[in-house]
C-alpha atoms as a PDB file:
ATOM      1  CA  MET A   1      91.853 105.950  53.713  1.00  0.00           C
ATOM      2  CA  PRO A   2      87.940 105.410  54.571  1.00  0.00           C
ATOM      3  CA  ASN A   3      87.151 107.271  51.346  1.00  0.00           C
ATOM      4  CA  ASN A   4      89.709 105.689  49.243  1.00  0.00           C
ATOM      5  CA  GLY A   5      90.823 108.681  47.829  1.00  0.00           C
ATOM      6  CA  LEU A   6      87.436 109.402  46.419  1.00  0.00           C
ATOM      7  CA  VAL A   7      85.650 112.933  46.839  1.00  0.00           C
ATOM      8  CA  SER A   8      81.935 112.836  46.497  1.00  0.00           C
ATOM      9  CA  LEU A   9      79.448 115.766  46.430  1.00  0.00           C
ATOM     10  CA  GLN A  10      75.812 115.288  46.111  1.00  0.00           C
ATOM     11  CA  SER A  11      74.400 117.014  43.340  1.00  0.00           C
ATOM     12  CA  ARG A  12      71.443 119.568  43.695  1.00  0.00           C
ATOM     13  CA  VAL A  13      70.211 118.823  40.201  1.00  0.00           C
ATOM     14  CA  SER A  14      69.706 115.530  38.062  1.00  0.00           C
ATOM     15  CA  ALA A  15      72.333 113.349  37.128  1.00  0.00           C
ATOM     16  CA  ARG A  16      71.782 114.388  33.621  1.00  0.00           C
ATOM     17  CA  GLU A  17      72.021 117.996  34.331  1.00  0.00           C
ATOM     18  CA  THR A  18      75.285 117.372  36.483  1.00  0.00           C
ATOM     19  CA  LEU A  19      76.760 115.743  33.487  1.00  0.00           C
ATOM     20  CA  ASN A  20      75.680 118.593  31.198  1.00  0.00           C
ATOM     21  CA  ARG A  21      77.105 121.101  33.706  1.00  0.00           C
ATOM     22  CA  LEU A  22      80.320 119.246  33.919  1.00  0.00           C
ATOM     23  CA  LEU A  23      80.817 119.068  30.128  1.00  0.00           C
ATOM     24  CA  ALA A  24      80.290 122.819  30.069  1.00  0.00           C
ATOM     25  CA  ALA A  25      82.556 123.556  32.803  1.00  0.00           C
ATOM     26  CA  LEU A  26      85.313 121.597  31.185  1.00  0.00           C
ATOM     27  CA  ALA A  27      84.671 123.400  27.786  1.00  0.00           C
ATOM     28  CA  LYS A  28      84.920 126.854  29.632  1.00  0.00           C
ATOM     29  CA  ARG A  29      88.208 125.842  30.771  1.00  0.00           C
ATOM     30  CA  LYS A  30      89.279 124.377  27.615  1.00  0.00           C
ATOM     31  CA  LEU A  31      90.165 121.109  28.990  1.00  0.00           C
ATOM     32  CA  THR A  32      90.125 118.136  26.669  1.00  0.00           C
ATOM     33  CA  VAL A  33      87.504 115.537  27.032  1.00  0.00           C
ATOM     34  CA  PHE A  34      89.425 112.259  25.957  1.00  0.00           C
ATOM     35  CA  ALA A  35      86.406 109.819  26.567  1.00  0.00           C
ATOM     36  CA  HIS A  36      82.858 109.720  27.961  1.00  0.00           C
ATOM     37  CA  VAL A  37      81.636 106.386  29.079  1.00  0.00           C
ATOM     38  CA  ASP A  38      78.022 105.648  29.659  1.00  0.00           C
ATOM     39  CA  HIS A  39      78.199 102.662  31.935  1.00  0.00           C
ATOM     40  CA  ALA A  40      74.194 102.450  32.061  1.00  0.00           C
ATOM     41  CA  ASP A  41      73.999 102.523  28.219  1.00  0.00           C
ATOM     42  CA  GLY A  42      76.614  99.800  28.155  1.00  0.00           C
ATOM     43  CA  ALA A  43      74.705  97.343  30.607  1.00  0.00           C
ATOM     44  CA  ALA A  44      71.420  98.149  28.705  1.00  0.00           C
ATOM     45  CA  SER A  45      73.197  96.912  25.526  1.00  0.00           C
ATOM     46  CA  VAL A  46      73.422  93.488  27.109  1.00  0.00           C
ATOM     47  CA  GLY A  47      70.036  93.611  28.888  1.00  0.00           C
ATOM     48  CA  LEU A  48      71.098  94.720  32.383  1.00  0.00           C
ATOM     49  CA  PRO A  49      69.960  97.541  34.503  1.00  0.00           C
ATOM     50  CA  LEU A  50      71.970 100.309  35.913  1.00  0.00           C
ATOM     51  CA  ARG A  51      71.125 103.557  37.268  1.00  0.00           C
ATOM     52  CA  PRO A  52      72.845 106.525  35.488  1.00  0.00           C
ATOM     53  CA  THR A  53      76.441 106.010  35.847  1.00  0.00           C
ATOM     54  CA  GLU A  54      78.884 107.995  33.389  1.00  0.00           C
ATOM     55  CA  VAL A  55      82.626 108.691  33.354  1.00  0.00           C
ATOM     56  CA  VAL A  56      84.181 111.641  31.828  1.00  0.00           C
ATOM     57  CA  ILE A  57      87.900 111.369  31.272  1.00  0.00           C
ATOM     58  CA  PHE A  58      89.548 114.578  30.777  1.00  0.00           C
ATOM     59  CA  GLY A  59      92.421 116.738  31.130  1.00  0.00           C
ATOM     60  CA  ASN A  60      95.554 119.064  29.724  1.00  0.00           C
ATOM     61  CA  PRO A  61      98.809 117.436  29.259  1.00  0.00           C
ATOM     62  CA  ARG A  62     100.504 120.460  30.923  1.00  0.00           C
ATOM     63  CA  GLY A  63      99.154 119.395  34.303  1.00  0.00           C
ATOM     64  CA  GLY A  64      99.442 115.504  34.124  1.00  0.00           C
ATOM     65  CA  THR A  65     102.985 115.376  32.443  1.00  0.00           C
ATOM     66  CA  ALA A  66     104.710 116.873  35.726  1.00  0.00           C
ATOM     67  CA  LEU A  67     103.311 114.122  37.870  1.00  0.00           C
ATOM     68  CA  MET A  68     104.262 111.527  35.405  1.00  0.00           C
ATOM     69  CA  GLN A  69     107.854 112.848  34.931  1.00  0.00           C
ATOM     70  CA  ASP A  70     108.022 112.419  38.591  1.00  0.00           C
ATOM     71  CA  ARG A  71     106.711 108.817  38.846  1.00  0.00           C
ATOM     72  CA  GLN A  72     105.282 107.380  35.721  1.00  0.00           C
ATOM     73  CA  THR A  73     103.047 105.140  37.622  1.00  0.00           C
ATOM     74  CA  ALA A  74     100.848 108.348  38.291  1.00  0.00           C
ATOM     75  CA  GLY A  75      99.742 107.837  34.483  1.00  0.00           C
ATOM     76  CA  ILE A  76      97.385 105.096  35.638  1.00  0.00           C
ATOM     77  CA  ASP A  77      95.443 107.882  37.543  1.00  0.00           C
ATOM     78  CA  LEU A  78      95.530 110.090  34.570  1.00  0.00           C
ATOM     79  CA  PRO A  79      94.068 111.762  32.806  1.00  0.00           C
ATOM     80  CA  LEU A  80      91.602 113.025  35.363  1.00  0.00           C
ATOM     81  CA  LYS A  81      88.255 111.605  35.593  1.00  0.00           C
ATOM     82  CA  SER A  82      84.924 112.150  37.158  1.00  0.00           C
ATOM     83  CA  LEU A  83      81.917 109.882  37.680  1.00  0.00           C
ATOM     84  CA  VAL A  84      78.412 110.992  37.616  1.00  0.00           C
ATOM     85  CA  TRP A  85      75.990 108.653  38.996  1.00  0.00           C
ATOM     86  CA  GLU A  86      72.441 108.091  40.403  1.00  0.00           C
ATOM     87  CA  ASP A  87      72.071 106.357  43.978  1.00  0.00           C
ATOM     88  CA  VAL A  88      69.281 103.928  44.800  1.00  0.00           C
ATOM     89  CA  ASP A  89      67.285 106.881  46.409  1.00  0.00           C
ATOM     90  CA  GLY A  90      67.462 108.919  42.839  1.00  0.00           C
ATOM     91  CA  LYS A  91      70.019 111.392  44.115  1.00  0.00           C
ATOM     92  CA  ALA A  92      72.813 112.468  41.852  1.00  0.00           C
ATOM     93  CA  TRP A  93      76.266 112.286  42.801  1.00  0.00           C
ATOM     94  CA  PHE A  94      79.615 113.705  41.641  1.00  0.00           C
ATOM     95  CA  THR A  95      82.937 111.753  42.170  1.00  0.00           C
ATOM     96  CA  TYR A  96      86.491 112.358  41.530  1.00  0.00           C
ATOM     97  CA  ASN A  97      90.036 111.115  42.784  1.00  0.00           C
ATOM     98  CA  ASP A  98      91.464 113.367  45.127  1.00  0.00           C
ATOM     99  CA  PRO A  99      94.802 114.543  43.972  1.00  0.00           C
ATOM    100  CA  ALA A 100      96.599 114.302  47.442  1.00  0.00           C
ATOM    101  CA  TRP A 101      95.596 110.749  47.378  1.00  0.00           C
ATOM    102  CA  MET A 102      97.393 110.264  44.088  1.00  0.00           C
ATOM    103  CA  VAL A 103     100.656 111.947  45.448  1.00  0.00           C
ATOM    104  CA  ARG A 104     100.408 109.601  48.368  1.00  0.00           C
ATOM    105  CA  ARG A 105      99.594 106.694  46.147  1.00  0.00           C
ATOM    106  CA  HIS A 106     102.414 107.316  43.842  1.00  0.00           C
ATOM    107  CA  GLY A 107     105.015 108.602  46.339  1.00  0.00           C
ATOM    108  CA  LEU A 108     105.249 111.715  44.346  1.00  0.00           C
ATOM    109  CA  GLY A 109     107.927 113.995  45.970  1.00  0.00           C
ATOM    110  CA  ALA A 110     108.946 116.695  43.446  1.00  0.00           C
ATOM    111  CA  ALA A 111     107.950 120.032  44.618  1.00  0.00           C
ATOM    112  CA  SER A 112     106.419 120.538  40.938  1.00  0.00           C
ATOM    113  CA  SER A 113     104.330 117.429  41.531  1.00  0.00           C
ATOM    114  CA  VAL A 114     102.914 118.771  44.780  1.00  0.00           C
ATOM    115  CA  ALA A 115     102.200 122.065  43.337  1.00  0.00           C
ATOM    116  CA  VAL A 116     100.357 120.482  40.293  1.00  0.00           C
ATOM    117  CA  ALA A 117      98.265 118.218  42.544  1.00  0.00           C
ATOM    118  CA  ASN A 118      97.139 121.156  44.749  1.00  0.00           C
ATOM    119  CA  ALA A 119      96.284 123.203  41.630  1.00  0.00           C
ATOM    120  CA  MET A 120      94.441 120.012  40.245  1.00  0.00           C
ATOM    121  CA  ALA A 121      92.534 119.762  43.362  1.00  0.00           C
ATOM    122  CA  VAL A 122      91.283 123.552  43.182  1.00  0.00           C
ATOM    123  CA  LEU A 123      90.385 122.889  39.684  1.00  0.00           C
ATOM    124  CA  LEU A 124      88.319 119.771  40.424  1.00  0.00           C
ATOM    125  CA  SER A 125      86.906 121.593  43.306  1.00  0.00           C
ATOM    126  CA  ALA A 126      85.629 124.396  41.226  1.00  0.00           C
ATOM    127  CA  ILE A 127      84.452 122.203  38.468  1.00  0.00           C
ATOM    128  CA  ALA A 128      82.290 119.917  41.118  1.00  0.00           C
ATOM    129  CA  GLN A 129      80.718 122.980  42.584  1.00  0.00           C
ATOM    130  CA  GLU A 130      79.848 124.366  39.138  1.00  0.00           C
ATOM    131  CA  ALA A 131      78.318 120.878  38.133  1.00  0.00           C
ATOM    132  CA  THR A 132      76.445 119.952  41.370  1.00  0.00           C
ATOM    133  CA  GLN A 133      74.932 123.424  42.465  1.00  0.00           C
ATOM    134  CA  LYS A 134      71.691 125.052  41.737  1.00  0.00           C
ATOM    135  CA  CYS A 135      72.005 128.088  39.773  1.00  0.00           C
ATOM    136  CA  GLU A 136      70.938 131.236  41.823  1.00  0.00           C
ATOM    137  CA  CYS A 137      70.837 133.234  38.757  1.00  0.00           C
ATOM    138  CA  ALA A 138      69.339 136.662  38.945  1.00  0.00           C
ATOM    139  CA  ARG A 139      66.371 136.812  36.670  1.00  0.00           C
ATOM    140  CA  PRO A 140      65.277 139.977  34.818  1.00  0.00           C
END
């Protein structure tokens, strides 16, 4: 696949705001955040520059377990993760693994696996939209 199974959306807000919105979207859905890795902070700790690059690892065992019951190798791609990063032009991006790619990568075949992957795709798309779009909120 030319995109290597990645879905990337350009954010309409900064990387920091995209990350904050991602964390809020996960909390709203009561998804567990297992880890938050700030690669730029890690690079800075050894004196190397890196534009904002942060990974958030999250999920719910109810979703991912079905995929691992089908093929345990799916566990390498679970829990779900999102990457919030800034390109050389200062544009913020939101990237995640396409669940359909995970199905193909691991040869998942059980109907329950496909249904779970489809639900994950809908969930990830909704989270990505919330994290990357400017709020068109009505003001009093």
